[in-house]
Amino acid sequence: MFGRVKAGRTGGGDLESRVAALEAAVQENRALNVRLAELTDVVTELLLPVAARDEDKLEEILAKYRGDFS
């Protein structure tokens, strides 16, 4: 049992770099999920009937996204 742990540690540098790469990918995925949720909110707000829409909030959200893509 202890021999396996020792053997596993000899190649630990590669494992550490793989874990770091996976952690970076998870962070990127989380950021994309947040972005998707925000865009879903924008689309939902745009699809609401005009009477139920908060125009000030809508303009604020759209200004944020226009700035992101400029």
Protein backbone atom coordinates (compact mmCIF):
# COMPACT_ATOMS: atom_id res chain seq x y z
CA MET A 1 0.00 0.00 0.00
CA PHE A 2 2.72 2.48 0.93
CA GLY A 3 4.73 1.49 -2.12
CA ARG A 4 1.90 2.60 -4.37
CA VAL A 5 1.78 6.01 -2.75
CA LYS A 6 5.53 6.43 -3.20
CA ALA A 7 5.37 5.32 -6.81
CA GLY A 8 2.55 7.77 -7.45
CA ARG A 9 4.56 10.62 -6.06
CA THR A 10 7.45 10.17 -8.46
CA GLY A 11 5.33 11.39 -11.36
CA GLY A 12 3.57 14.00 -9.24
CA GLY A 13 4.76 16.94 -11.31
CA ASP A 14 2.73 15.80 -14.28
CA LEU A 15 -0.29 15.15 -12.08
CA GLU A 16 0.00 18.60 -10.53
CA SER A 17 0.11 20.26 -13.94
CA ARG A 18 -2.89 18.23 -15.10
CA VAL A 19 -4.86 19.20 -11.98
CA ALA A 20 -3.91 22.86 -12.50
CA ALA A 21 -5.10 22.67 -16.11
CA LEU A 22 -8.37 21.07 -15.01
CA GLU A 23 -8.89 23.74 -12.34
CA ALA A 24 -8.35 26.45 -14.96
CA ALA A 25 -10.88 24.76 -17.24
CA VAL A 26 -13.40 24.59 -14.38
CA GLN A 27 -12.93 28.32 -13.71
CA GLU A 28 -13.44 29.11 -17.39
CA ASN A 29 -16.56 26.95 -17.42
CA ARG A 30 -17.93 28.76 -14.37
CA ALA A 31 -17.33 32.14 -16.01
CA LEU A 32 -19.09 30.96 -19.17
CA ASN A 33 -22.03 29.68 -17.11
CA VAL A 34 -22.36 33.07 -15.41
CA ARG A 35 -22.22 34.79 -18.79
CA LEU A 36 -24.89 32.46 -20.16
CA ALA A 37 -27.14 33.15 -17.16
CA GLU A 38 -26.73 36.90 -17.65
CA LEU A 39 -27.55 36.66 -21.35
CA THR A 40 -30.58 34.51 -20.54
CA ASP A 41 -31.76 37.29 -18.23
CA VAL A 42 -31.35 39.83 -21.05
CA VAL A 43 -33.32 37.69 -23.50
CA THR A 44 -36.04 37.11 -20.91
CA GLU A 45 -36.28 40.84 -20.29
CA LEU A 46 -36.50 41.54 -24.03
CA LEU A 47 -39.27 38.99 -24.51
CA LEU A 48 -41.49 40.43 -21.78
CA PRO A 49 -44.48 42.41 -22.97
CA VAL A 50 -43.78 46.13 -23.19
CA ALA A 51 -46.17 46.92 -20.33
CA ALA A 52 -44.31 44.57 -17.95
CA ARG A 53 -40.81 45.67 -18.97
CA ASP A 54 -38.56 47.79 -16.80
CA GLU A 55 -37.11 50.05 -19.51
CA ASP A 56 -34.48 51.62 -17.25
CA LYS A 57 -33.19 48.22 -16.17
CA LEU A 58 -33.24 47.02 -19.77
CA GLU A 59 -31.20 50.01 -20.97
CA GLU A 60 -28.68 49.45 -18.18
CA ILE A 61 -28.27 45.77 -19.07
CA LEU A 62 -27.99 46.46 -22.80
CA ALA A 63 -25.43 49.21 -22.21
CA LYS A 64 -23.32 46.75 -20.23
CA TYR A 65 -23.37 44.21 -23.04
CA ARG A 66 -22.76 46.80 -25.74
CA GLY A 67 -19.67 47.84 -23.80
CA ASP A 68 -18.50 44.23 -23.50
CA PHE A 69 -18.58 43.75 -27.26
CA SER A 70 -17.08 47.11 -28.27
